[in-house]
PDB file of N, CA and C in Angstrom:
ATOM      1  N   MET A   1       9.117 -18.715 -10.243  1.00  0.00           N
ATOM      2  CA  MET A   1       9.124 -19.631 -11.370  1.00  0.00           C
ATOM      3  C   MET A   1      10.463 -20.349 -11.426  1.00  0.00           C
ATOM      4  N   TYR A   2      10.377 -21.636 -11.702  1.00  0.00           N
ATOM      5  CA  TYR A   2      11.581 -22.428 -11.895  1.00  0.00           C
ATOM      6  C   TYR A   2      11.316 -23.404 -13.038  1.00  0.00           C
ATOM      7  N   LYS A   3      12.077 -23.262 -14.094  1.00  0.00           N
ATOM      8  CA  LYS A   3      11.922 -24.097 -15.287  1.00  0.00           C
ATOM      9  C   LYS A   3      10.472 -24.140 -15.758  1.00  0.00           C
ATOM     10  N   GLY A   4       9.847 -22.985 -15.773  1.00  0.00           N
ATOM     11  CA  GLY A   4       8.479 -22.872 -16.241  1.00  0.00           C
ATOM     12  C   GLY A   4       7.412 -23.263 -15.230  1.00  0.00           C
ATOM     13  N   LYS A   5       7.804 -23.678 -14.038  1.00  0.00           N
ATOM     14  CA  LYS A   5       6.848 -24.087 -13.002  1.00  0.00           C
ATOM     15  C   LYS A   5       6.701 -22.977 -11.979  1.00  0.00           C
ATOM     16  N   ASN A   6       5.463 -22.529 -11.782  1.00  0.00           N
ATOM     17  CA  ASN A   6       5.187 -21.540 -10.756  1.00  0.00           C
ATOM     18  C   ASN A   6       5.167 -22.260  -9.405  1.00  0.00           C
ATOM     19  N   LEU A   7       6.183 -22.005  -8.602  1.00  0.00           N
ATOM     20  CA  LEU A   7       6.309 -22.694  -7.316  1.00  0.00           C
ATOM     21  C   LEU A   7       5.126 -22.395  -6.396  1.00  0.00           C
ATOM     22  N   LEU A   8       4.535 -21.227  -6.568  1.00  0.00           N
ATOM     23  CA  LEU A   8       3.397 -20.860  -5.726  1.00  0.00           C
ATOM     24  C   LEU A   8       2.152 -21.681  -6.053  1.00  0.00           C
ATOM     25  N   SER A   9       2.113 -22.280  -7.229  1.00  0.00           N
ATOM     26  CA  SER A   9       0.944 -23.069  -7.619  1.00  0.00           C
ATOM     27  C   SER A   9       1.010 -24.511  -7.111  1.00  0.00           C
ATOM     28  N   ILE A  10       2.122 -24.883  -6.508  1.00  0.00           N
ATOM     29  CA  ILE A  10       2.250 -26.238  -5.958  1.00  0.00           C
ATOM     30  C   ILE A  10       1.337 -26.340  -4.745  1.00  0.00           C
ATOM     31  N   HIS A  11       0.464 -27.345  -4.776  1.00  0.00           N
ATOM     32  CA  HIS A  11      -0.501 -27.517  -3.691  1.00  0.00           C
ATOM     33  C   HIS A  11       0.054 -28.454  -2.622  1.00  0.00           C
ATOM     34  N   ALA A  12      -0.195 -28.116  -1.385  1.00  0.00           N
ATOM     35  CA  ALA A  12       0.142 -28.980  -0.248  1.00  0.00           C
ATOM     36  C   ALA A  12      -0.780 -28.621   0.902  1.00  0.00           C
ATOM     37  N   THR A  13      -1.008 -29.584   1.770  1.00  0.00           N
ATOM     38  CA  THR A  13      -1.930 -29.370   2.879  1.00  0.00           C
ATOM     39  C   THR A  13      -1.292 -28.659   4.076  1.00  0.00           C
ATOM     40  N   ALA A  14       0.039 -28.541   4.070  1.00  0.00           N
ATOM     41  CA  ALA A  14       0.741 -27.882   5.171  1.00  0.00           C
ATOM     42  C   ALA A  14       2.068 -27.328   4.640  1.00  0.00           C
ATOM     43  N   PRO A  15       2.599 -26.303   5.282  1.00  0.00           N
ATOM     44  CA  PRO A  15       3.854 -25.713   4.800  1.00  0.00           C
ATOM     45  C   PRO A  15       5.013 -26.711   4.698  1.00  0.00           C
ATOM     46  N   ASN A  16       5.126 -27.636   5.646  1.00  0.00           N
ATOM     47  CA  ASN A  16       6.232 -28.592   5.572  1.00  0.00           C
ATOM     48  C   ASN A  16       6.110 -29.496   4.337  1.00  0.00           C
ATOM     49  N   LYS A  17       4.892 -29.880   3.994  1.00  0.00           N
ATOM     50  CA  LYS A  17       4.684 -30.692   2.795  1.00  0.00           C
ATOM     51  C   LYS A  17       4.946 -29.872   1.536  1.00  0.00           C
ATOM     52  N   TRP A  18       4.599 -28.608   1.569  1.00  0.00           N
ATOM     53  CA  TRP A  18       4.864 -27.729   0.438  1.00  0.00           C
ATOM     54  C   TRP A  18       6.378 -27.582   0.230  1.00  0.00           C
ATOM     55  N   VAL A  19       7.110 -27.371   1.311  1.00  0.00           N
ATOM     56  CA  VAL A  19       8.571 -27.254   1.216  1.00  0.00           C
ATOM     57  C   VAL A  19       9.151 -28.517   0.581  1.00  0.00           C
ATOM     58  N   ASN A  20       8.704 -29.684   1.029  1.00  0.00           N
ATOM     59  CA  ASN A  20       9.214 -30.937   0.466  1.00  0.00           C
ATOM     60  C   ASN A  20       8.890 -31.042  -1.020  1.00  0.00           C
ATOM     61  N   SER A  21       7.695 -30.661  -1.414  1.00  0.00           N
ATOM     62  CA  SER A  21       7.308 -30.708  -2.822  1.00  0.00           C
ATOM     63  C   SER A  21       8.162 -29.761  -3.666  1.00  0.00           C
ATOM     64  N   VAL A  22       8.387 -28.572  -3.158  1.00  0.00           N
ATOM     65  CA  VAL A  22       9.204 -27.614  -3.896  1.00  0.00           C
ATOM     66  C   VAL A  22      10.648 -28.111  -3.995  1.00  0.00           C
ATOM     67  N   MET A  23      11.150 -28.717  -2.939  1.00  0.00           N
ATOM     68  CA  MET A  23      12.508 -29.277  -2.975  1.00  0.00           C
ATOM     69  C   MET A  23      12.628 -30.310  -4.095  1.00  0.00           C
ATOM     70  N   ARG A  24      11.585 -31.104  -4.291  1.00  0.00           N
ATOM     71  CA  ARG A  24      11.590 -32.108  -5.367  1.00  0.00           C
ATOM     72  C   ARG A  24      11.708 -31.457  -6.740  1.00  0.00           C
ATOM     73  N   HIS A  25      11.125 -30.273  -6.887  1.00  0.00           N
ATOM     74  CA  HIS A  25      11.167 -29.568  -8.169  1.00  0.00           C
ATOM     75  C   HIS A  25      12.501 -28.848  -8.387  1.00  0.00           C
ATOM     76  N   LEU A  26      13.094 -28.356  -7.329  1.00  0.00           N
ATOM     77  CA  LEU A  26      14.299 -27.551  -7.461  1.00  0.00           C
ATOM     78  C   LEU A  26      15.589 -28.360  -7.564  1.00  0.00           C
ATOM     79  N   PHE A  27      15.617 -29.516  -6.919  1.00  0.00           N
ATOM     80  CA  PHE A  27      16.873 -30.246  -6.790  1.00  0.00           C
ATOM     81  C   PHE A  27      16.758 -31.670  -7.324  1.00  0.00           C
ATOM     82  N   THR A  28      17.877 -32.176  -7.825  1.00  0.00           N
ATOM     83  CA  THR A  28      17.923 -33.556  -8.314  1.00  0.00           C
ATOM     84  C   THR A  28      18.000 -34.515  -7.126  1.00  0.00           C
ATOM     85  N   LYS A  29      17.802 -35.785  -7.397  1.00  0.00           N
ATOM     86  CA  LYS A  29      17.929 -36.810  -6.354  1.00  0.00           C
ATOM     87  C   LYS A  29      19.324 -36.772  -5.740  1.00  0.00           C
ATOM     88  N   ASP A  30      20.336 -36.638  -6.586  1.00  0.00           N
ATOM     89  CA  ASP A  30      21.705 -36.589  -6.077  1.00  0.00           C
ATOM     90  C   ASP A  30      21.956 -35.355  -5.220  1.00  0.00           C
ATOM     91  N   GLU A  31      21.439 -34.221  -5.657  1.00  0.00           N
ATOM     92  CA  GLU A  31      21.611 -32.996  -4.873  1.00  0.00           C
ATOM     93  C   GLU A  31      20.959 -33.150  -3.501  1.00  0.00           C
ATOM     94  N   LEU A  32      19.771 -33.734  -3.470  1.00  0.00           N
ATOM     95  CA  LEU A  32      19.086 -33.938  -2.187  1.00  0.00           C
ATOM     96  C   LEU A  32      19.827 -34.944  -1.312  1.00  0.00           C
ATOM     97  N   GLY A  33      20.350 -36.000  -1.928  1.00  0.00           N
ATOM     98  CA  GLY A  33      21.047 -37.031  -1.167  1.00  0.00           C
ATOM     99  C   GLY A  33      22.384 -36.586  -0.617  1.00  0.00           C
ATOM    100  N   ASP A  34      23.045 -35.693  -1.343  1.00  0.00           N
ATOM    101  CA  ASP A  34      24.387 -35.264  -0.953  1.00  0.00           C
ATOM    102  C   ASP A  34      24.423 -33.901  -0.276  1.00  0.00           C
ATOM    103  N   GLY A  35      23.340 -33.124  -0.406  1.00  0.00           N
ATOM    104  CA  GLY A  35      23.399 -31.734   0.001  1.00  0.00           C
ATOM    105  C   GLY A  35      22.583 -31.372   1.221  1.00  0.00           C
ATOM    106  N   LEU A  36      22.782 -30.149   1.633  1.00  0.00           N
ATOM    107  CA  LEU A  36      22.025 -29.512   2.714  1.00  0.00           C
ATOM    108  C   LEU A  36      21.968 -28.020   2.422  1.00  0.00           C
ATOM    109  N   ILE A  37      21.010 -27.358   3.044  1.00  0.00           N
ATOM    110  CA  ILE A  37      21.003 -25.898   2.986  1.00  0.00           C
ATOM    111  C   ILE A  37      22.010 -25.426   4.027  1.00  0.00           C
ATOM    112  N   ILE A  38      23.120 -24.940   3.527  1.00  0.00           N
ATOM    113  CA  ILE A  38      24.191 -24.450   4.397  1.00  0.00           C
ATOM    114  C   ILE A  38      24.406 -22.998   4.017  1.00  0.00           C
ATOM    115  N   ASP A  39      23.945 -22.108   4.873  1.00  0.00           N
ATOM    116  CA  ASP A  39      24.033 -20.698   4.541  1.00  0.00           C
ATOM    117  C   ASP A  39      24.888 -19.909   5.527  1.00  0.00           C
ATOM    118  N   ASP A  40      25.728 -20.635   6.240  1.00  0.00           N
ATOM    119  CA  ASP A  40      26.675 -19.918   7.094  1.00  0.00           C
ATOM    120  C   ASP A  40      28.032 -20.608   7.022  1.00  0.00           C
ATOM    121  N   LEU A  41      29.059 -19.871   7.348  1.00  0.00           N
ATOM    122  CA  LEU A  41      30.421 -20.399   7.249  1.00  0.00           C
ATOM    123  C   LEU A  41      30.808 -21.259   8.441  1.00  0.00           C
ATOM    124  N   LYS A  42      29.976 -21.310   9.457  1.00  0.00           N
ATOM    125  CA  LYS A  42      30.287 -22.050  10.677  1.00  0.00           C
ATOM    126  C   LYS A  42      29.933 -23.538  10.576  1.00  0.00           C
ATOM    127  N   SER A  43      29.256 -23.923   9.521  1.00  0.00           N
ATOM    128  CA  SER A  43      28.795 -25.301   9.395  1.00  0.00           C
ATOM    129  C   SER A  43      29.976 -26.277   9.340  1.00  0.00           C
ATOM    130  N   LYS A  44      29.818 -27.385  10.046  1.00  0.00           N
ATOM    131  CA  LYS A  44      30.831 -28.436  10.035  1.00  0.00           C
ATOM    132  C   LYS A  44      30.383 -29.624   9.185  1.00  0.00           C
ATOM    133  N   SER A  45      29.266 -29.461   8.491  1.00  0.00           N
ATOM    134  CA  SER A  45      28.723 -30.543   7.676  1.00  0.00           C
ATOM    135  C   SER A  45      29.675 -30.893   6.536  1.00  0.00           C
ATOM    136  N   LYS A  46      29.769 -32.179   6.265  1.00  0.00           N
ATOM    137  CA  LYS A  46      30.565 -32.645   5.147  1.00  0.00           C
ATOM    138  C   LYS A  46      29.725 -32.719   3.865  1.00  0.00           C
ATOM    139  N   ARG A  47      28.443 -32.415   3.986  1.00  0.00           N
ATOM    140  CA  ARG A  47      27.562 -32.436   2.813  1.00  0.00           C
ATOM    141  C   ARG A  47      27.810 -31.212   1.942  1.00  0.00           C
ATOM    142  N   THR A  48      27.448 -31.344   0.700  1.00  0.00           N
ATOM    143  CA  THR A  48      27.596 -30.268  -0.269  1.00  0.00           C
ATOM    144  C   THR A  48      26.508 -29.222  -0.044  1.00  0.00           C
ATOM    145  N   PRO A  49      26.869 -27.956   0.026  1.00  0.00           N
ATOM    146  CA  PRO A  49      25.825 -26.923   0.144  1.00  0.00           C
ATOM    147  C   PRO A  49      24.948 -26.922  -1.110  1.00  0.00           C
ATOM    148  N   LEU A  50      23.643 -26.850  -0.903  1.00  0.00           N
ATOM    149  CA  LEU A  50      22.733 -26.742  -2.038  1.00  0.00           C
ATOM    150  C   LEU A  50      22.893 -25.366  -2.680  1.00  0.00           C
ATOM    151  N   ASN A  51      22.598 -25.296  -3.956  1.00  0.00           N
ATOM    152  CA  ASN A  51      22.698 -24.063  -4.722  1.00  0.00           C
ATOM    153  C   ASN A  51      21.887 -22.962  -4.043  1.00  0.00           C
ATOM    154  N   LEU A  52      22.579 -21.893  -3.650  1.00  0.00           N
ATOM    155  CA  LEU A  52      21.922 -20.822  -2.884  1.00  0.00           C
ATOM    156  C   LEU A  52      20.893 -20.055  -3.709  1.00  0.00           C
ATOM    157  N   GLU A  53      21.054 -19.992  -5.022  1.00  0.00           N
ATOM    158  CA  GLU A  53      20.040 -19.327  -5.846  1.00  0.00           C
ATOM    159  C   GLU A  53      18.725 -20.096  -5.781  1.00  0.00           C
ATOM    160  N   LYS A  54      18.810 -21.430  -5.825  1.00  0.00           N
ATOM    161  CA  LYS A  54      17.602 -22.249  -5.718  1.00  0.00           C
ATOM    162  C   LYS A  54      17.021 -22.167  -4.308  1.00  0.00           C
ATOM    163  N   VAL A  55      17.901 -22.141  -3.318  1.00  0.00           N
ATOM    164  CA  VAL A  55      17.455 -22.008  -1.928  1.00  0.00           C
ATOM    165  C   VAL A  55      16.726 -20.680  -1.746  1.00  0.00           C
ATOM    166  N   ASP A  56      17.253 -19.622  -2.343  1.00  0.00           N
ATOM    167  CA  ASP A  56      16.591 -18.318  -2.254  1.00  0.00           C
ATOM    168  C   ASP A  56      15.222 -18.337  -2.932  1.00  0.00           C
ATOM    169  N   LEU A  57      15.085 -19.078  -4.043  1.00  0.00           N
ATOM    170  CA  LEU A  57      13.776 -19.229  -4.682  1.00  0.00           C
ATOM    171  C   LEU A  57      12.792 -19.882  -3.719  1.00  0.00           C
ATOM    172  N   LEU A  58      13.244 -20.939  -3.064  1.00  0.00           N
ATOM    173  CA  LEU A  58      12.410 -21.630  -2.080  1.00  0.00           C
ATOM    174  C   LEU A  58      11.999 -20.683  -0.964  1.00  0.00           C
ATOM    175  N   LYS A  59      12.955 -19.976  -0.439  1.00  0.00           N
ATOM    176  CA  LYS A  59      12.727 -19.074   0.696  1.00  0.00           C
ATOM    177  C   LYS A  59      11.733 -17.963   0.340  1.00  0.00           C
ATOM    178  N   GLU A  60      11.964 -17.297  -0.777  1.00  0.00           N
ATOM    179  CA  GLU A  60      11.085 -16.205  -1.182  1.00  0.00           C
ATOM    180  C   GLU A  60       9.681 -16.708  -1.496  1.00  0.00           C
ATOM    181  N   ALA A  61       9.590 -17.845  -2.168  1.00  0.00           N
ATOM    182  CA  ALA A  61       8.277 -18.413  -2.477  1.00  0.00           C
ATOM    183  C   ALA A  61       7.541 -18.810  -1.198  1.00  0.00           C
ATOM    184  N   LEU A  62       8.268 -19.330  -0.229  1.00  0.00           N
ATOM    185  CA  LEU A  62       7.682 -19.713   1.060  1.00  0.00           C
ATOM    186  C   LEU A  62       7.058 -18.503   1.749  1.00  0.00           C
ATOM    187  N   PHE A  63       7.779 -17.390   1.757  1.00  0.00           N
ATOM    188  CA  PHE A  63       7.267 -16.175   2.400  1.00  0.00           C
ATOM    189  C   PHE A  63       6.013 -15.655   1.701  1.00  0.00           C
ATOM    190  N   ILE A  64       6.026 -15.727   0.375  1.00  0.00           N
ATOM    191  CA  ILE A  64       4.864 -15.246  -0.380  1.00  0.00           C
ATOM    192  C   ILE A  64       3.686 -16.193  -0.210  1.00  0.00           C
ATOM    193  N   LYS A  65       3.953 -17.487  -0.376  1.00  0.00           N
ATOM    194  CA  LYS A  65       2.882 -18.494  -0.308  1.00  0.00           C
ATOM    195  C   LYS A  65       2.140 -18.417   1.026  1.00  0.00           C
ATOM    196  N   TYR A  66       2.879 -18.248   2.110  1.00  0.00           N
ATOM    197  CA  TYR A  66       2.274 -18.279   3.440  1.00  0.00           C
ATOM    198  C   TYR A  66       2.174 -16.891   4.068  1.00  0.00           C
ATOM    199  N   ASN A  67       2.290 -15.852   3.233  1.00  0.00           N
ATOM    200  CA  ASN A  67       2.054 -14.474   3.651  1.00  0.00           C
ATOM    201  C   ASN A  67       2.773 -14.140   4.968  1.00  0.00           C
ATOM    202  N   VAL A  68       4.085 -14.385   4.973  1.00  0.00           N
ATOM    203  CA  VAL A  68       4.885 -14.183   6.182  1.00  0.00           C
ATOM    204  C   VAL A  68       5.341 -12.728   6.244  1.00  0.00           C
ATOM    205  N   SER A  69       4.992 -12.053   7.329  1.00  0.00           N
ATOM    206  CA  SER A  69       5.401 -10.655   7.492  1.00  0.00           C
ATOM    207  C   SER A  69       6.919 -10.579   7.644  1.00  0.00           C
ATOM    208  N   GLU A  70       7.462  -9.438   7.283  1.00  0.00           N
ATOM    209  CA  GLU A  70       8.905  -9.251   7.330  1.00  0.00           C
ATOM    210  C   GLU A  70       9.477  -9.503   8.727  1.00  0.00           C
ATOM    211  N   THR A  71       8.729  -9.137   9.750  1.00  0.00           N
ATOM    212  CA  THR A  71       9.218  -9.302  11.126  1.00  0.00           C
ATOM    213  C   THR A  71       9.280 -10.769  11.551  1.00  0.00           C
ATOM    214  N   LYS A  72       8.561 -11.651  10.864  1.00  0.00           N
ATOM    215  CA  LYS A  72       8.532 -13.067  11.243  1.00  0.00           C
ATOM    216  C   LYS A  72       9.312 -13.963  10.287  1.00  0.00           C
ATOM    217  N   GLN A  73       9.878 -13.369   9.249  1.00  0.00           N
ATOM    218  CA  GLN A  73      10.537 -14.177   8.220  1.00  0.00           C
ATOM    219  C   GLN A  73      11.725 -14.980   8.729  1.00  0.00           C
ATOM    220  N   GLU A  74      12.559 -14.396   9.562  1.00  0.00           N
ATOM    221  CA  GLU A  74      13.756 -15.099  10.031  1.00  0.00           C
ATOM    222  C   GLU A  74      13.387 -16.366  10.807  1.00  0.00           C
ATOM    223  N   ALA A  75      12.479 -16.261  11.747  1.00  0.00           N
ATOM    224  CA  ALA A  75      12.068 -17.425  12.546  1.00  0.00           C
ATOM    225  C   ALA A  75      11.353 -18.460  11.674  1.00  0.00           C
ATOM    226  N   PHE A  76      10.519 -17.983  10.763  1.00  0.00           N
ATOM    227  CA  PHE A  76       9.789 -18.875   9.865  1.00  0.00           C
ATOM    228  C   PHE A  76      10.769 -19.650   8.994  1.00  0.00           C
ATOM    229  N   TRP A  77      11.773 -18.945   8.450  1.00  0.00           N
ATOM    230  CA  TRP A  77      12.771 -19.600   7.607  1.00  0.00           C
ATOM    231  C   TRP A  77      13.570 -20.626   8.396  1.00  0.00           C
ATOM    232  N   LEU A  78      13.975 -20.301   9.602  1.00  0.00           N
ATOM    233  CA  LEU A  78      14.738 -21.264  10.409  1.00  0.00           C
ATOM    234  C   LEU A  78      13.950 -22.555  10.608  1.00  0.00           C
ATOM    235  N   GLN A  79      12.668 -22.432  10.859  1.00  0.00           N
ATOM    236  CA  GLN A  79      11.814 -23.609  11.050  1.00  0.00           C
ATOM    237  C   GLN A  79      11.753 -24.453   9.779  1.00  0.00           C
ATOM    238  N   TYR A  80      11.532 -23.816   8.645  1.00  0.00           N
ATOM    239  CA  TYR A  80      11.341 -24.572   7.412  1.00  0.00           C
ATOM    240  C   TYR A  80      12.652 -24.936   6.722  1.00  0.00           C
ATOM    241  N   LYS A  81      13.738 -24.262   7.090  1.00  0.00           N
ATOM    242  CA  LYS A  81      15.056 -24.713   6.638  1.00  0.00           C
ATOM    243  C   LYS A  81      15.361 -26.061   7.294  1.00  0.00           C
ATOM    244  N   ARG A  82      14.962 -26.215   8.553  1.00  0.00           N
ATOM    245  CA  ARG A  82      15.135 -27.512   9.235  1.00  0.00           C
ATOM    246  C   ARG A  82      14.321 -28.600   8.534  1.00  0.00           C
ATOM    247  N   VAL A  83      13.103 -28.260   8.141  1.00  0.00           N
ATOM    248  CA  VAL A  83      12.260 -29.206   7.407  1.00  0.00           C
ATOM    249  C   VAL A  83      12.962 -29.620   6.114  1.00  0.00           C
ATOM    250  N   ALA A  84      13.482 -28.649   5.377  1.00  0.00           N
ATOM    251  CA  ALA A  84      14.156 -28.929   4.110  1.00  0.00           C
ATOM    252  C   ALA A  84      15.404 -29.778   4.326  1.00  0.00           C
ATOM    253  N   ASN A  85      16.173 -29.476   5.352  1.00  0.00           N
ATOM    254  CA  ASN A  85      17.383 -30.253   5.612  1.00  0.00           C
ATOM    255  C   ASN A  85      17.056 -31.674   6.071  1.00  0.00           C
ATOM    256  N   THR A  86      15.994 -31.846   6.812  1.00  0.00           N
ATOM    257  CA  THR A  86      15.551 -33.189   7.180  1.00  0.00           C
ATOM    258  C   THR A  86      15.157 -33.967   5.930  1.00  0.00           C
ATOM    259  N   PHE A  87      14.475 -33.304   5.019  1.00  0.00           N
ATOM    260  CA  PHE A  87      14.099 -33.913   3.745  1.00  0.00           C
ATOM    261  C   PHE A  87      15.354 -34.379   3.000  1.00  0.00           C
ATOM    262  N   CYS A  88      16.403 -33.556   2.998  1.00  0.00           N
ATOM    263  CA  CYS A  88      17.664 -33.945   2.357  1.00  0.00           C
ATOM    264  C   CYS A  88      18.296 -35.142   3.066  1.00  0.00           C
ATOM    265  N   ARG A  89      18.339 -35.101   4.376  1.00  0.00           N
ATOM    266  CA  ARG A  89      18.968 -36.196   5.129  1.00  0.00           C
ATOM    267  C   ARG A  89      18.232 -37.524   4.936  1.00  0.00           C
ATOM    268  N   ASP A  90      16.944 -37.450   4.662  1.00  0.00           N
ATOM    269  CA  ASP A  90      16.154 -38.663   4.451  1.00  0.00           C
ATOM    270  C   ASP A  90      16.409 -39.302   3.086  1.00  0.00           C
ATOM    271  N   HIS A  91      17.106 -38.586   2.199  1.00  0.00           N
ATOM    272  CA  HIS A  91      17.436 -39.119   0.880  1.00  0.00           C
ATOM    273  C   HIS A  91      18.844 -39.677   0.902  1.00  0.00           C
ATOM    274  N   LYS A  92      18.968 -40.896   0.450  1.00  0.00           N
ATOM    275  CA  LYS A  92      20.283 -41.520   0.382  1.00  0.00           C
ATOM    276  C   LYS A  92      21.006 -41.013  -0.851  1.00  0.00           C
ATOM    277  N   PRO A  93      22.302 -40.746  -0.720  1.00  0.00           N
ATOM    278  CA  PRO A  93      23.061 -40.336  -1.909  1.00  0.00           C
ATOM    279  C   PRO A  93      23.024 -41.439  -2.960  1.00  0.00           C
ATOM    280  N   SER A  94      22.935 -41.033  -4.190  1.00  0.00           N
ATOM    281  CA  SER A  94      22.901 -41.981  -5.296  1.00  0.00           C
ATOM    282  C   SER A  94      24.320 -42.362  -5.689  1.00  0.00           C
ATOM    283  N   ASN A  95      24.504 -43.623  -6.057  1.00  0.00           N
ATOM    284  CA  ASN A  95      25.805 -44.068  -6.564  1.00  0.00           C
ATOM    285  C   ASN A  95      25.932 -43.785  -8.048  1.00  0.00           C
ATOM    286  N   ASN A  96      24.825 -43.478  -8.707  1.00  0.00           N
ATOM    287  CA  ASN A  96      24.821 -43.220 -10.132  1.00  0.00           C
ATOM    288  C   ASN A  96      24.966 -41.728 -10.366  1.00  0.00           C
ATOM    289  N   THR A  97      26.168 -41.292 -10.700  1.00  0.00           N
ATOM    290  CA  THR A  97      26.414 -39.858 -10.866  1.00  0.00           C
ATOM    291  C   THR A  97      25.840 -39.326 -12.170  1.00  0.00           C
ATOM    292  N   GLU A  98      25.434 -40.228 -13.078  1.00  0.00           N
ATOM    293  CA  GLU A  98      24.870 -39.769 -14.338  1.00  0.00           C
ATOM    294  C   GLU A  98      23.392 -39.447 -14.207  1.00  0.00           C
ATOM    295  N   ASP A  99      22.735 -39.934 -13.157  1.00  0.00           N
ATOM    296  CA  ASP A  99      21.309 -39.676 -12.997  1.00  0.00           C
ATOM    297  C   ASP A  99      21.113 -38.293 -12.419  1.00  0.00           C
ATOM    298  N   ASP A 100      20.622 -37.412 -13.243  1.00  0.00           N
ATOM    299  CA  ASP A 100      20.452 -36.015 -12.892  1.00  0.00           C
ATOM    300  C   ASP A 100      18.970 -35.673 -12.769  1.00  0.00           C
ATOM    301  N   SER A 101      18.139 -36.721 -12.679  1.00  0.00           N
ATOM    302  CA  SER A 101      16.694 -36.499 -12.724  1.00  0.00           C
ATOM    303  C   SER A 101      16.180 -35.935 -11.417  1.00  0.00           C
ATOM    304  N   HIS A 102      15.080 -35.245 -11.529  1.00  0.00           N
ATOM    305  CA  HIS A 102      14.411 -34.704 -10.358  1.00  0.00           C
ATOM    306  C   HIS A 102      13.450 -35.739  -9.818  1.00  0.00           C
ATOM    307  N   ILE A 103      13.126 -35.632  -8.566  1.00  0.00           N
ATOM    308  CA  ILE A 103      12.220 -36.559  -7.912  1.00  0.00           C
ATOM    309  C   ILE A 103      10.802 -36.157  -8.237  1.00  0.00           C
ATOM    310  N   SER A 104      10.020 -37.094  -8.676  1.00  0.00           N
ATOM    311  CA  SER A 104       8.609 -36.791  -8.912  1.00  0.00           C
ATOM    312  C   SER A 104       7.825 -37.063  -7.638  1.00  0.00           C
ATOM    313  N   ASP A 105       6.641 -36.542  -7.590  1.00  0.00           N
ATOM    314  CA  ASP A 105       5.795 -36.776  -6.418  1.00  0.00           C
ATOM    315  C   ASP A 105       5.514 -38.257  -6.233  1.00  0.00           C
ATOM    316  N   GLU A 106       5.506 -39.023  -7.321  1.00  0.00           N
ATOM    317  CA  GLU A 106       5.239 -40.456  -7.224  1.00  0.00           C
ATOM    318  C   GLU A 106       6.372 -41.190  -6.514  1.00  0.00           C
ATOM    319  N   ASP A 107       7.612 -40.683  -6.641  1.00  0.00           N
ATOM    320  CA  ASP A 107       8.754 -41.315  -5.988  1.00  0.00           C
ATOM    321  C   ASP A 107       8.631 -41.280  -4.475  1.00  0.00           C
ATOM    322  N   GLU A 108       7.890 -40.342  -3.953  1.00  0.00           N
ATOM    323  CA  GLU A 108       7.758 -40.177  -2.512  1.00  0.00           C
ATOM    324  C   GLU A 108       6.572 -40.934  -1.945  1.00  0.00           C
ATOM    325  N   ALA A 109       5.743 -41.514  -2.796  1.00  0.00           N
ATOM    326  CA  ALA A 109       4.532 -42.193  -2.323  1.00  0.00           C
ATOM    327  C   ALA A 109       4.843 -43.520  -1.685  1.00  0.00           C
TER     328      ALA A 109
END
């Protein structure tokens, strides 16, 4: 659950589309435009790391939604972390720092 929304109830036709939809719910336009999922200290990215608590919500929901066994979770996460980071890179950073709104599904149409 995030802000009253059950992430598992978000419908998508494929896991990559589901990840993108959940990213829209968890992060603002600015966070997506400026950030990446950076979960190691070796990263050379100049982008802002996305909030790890929200990233963990995404990760755990992904495993539950797609019934990923514990032995396959690491590889599954690496694949869909790339999907999420591509989604972030596709968003341009906003010049309006006051806009804290989340992206609706209509914004992506």
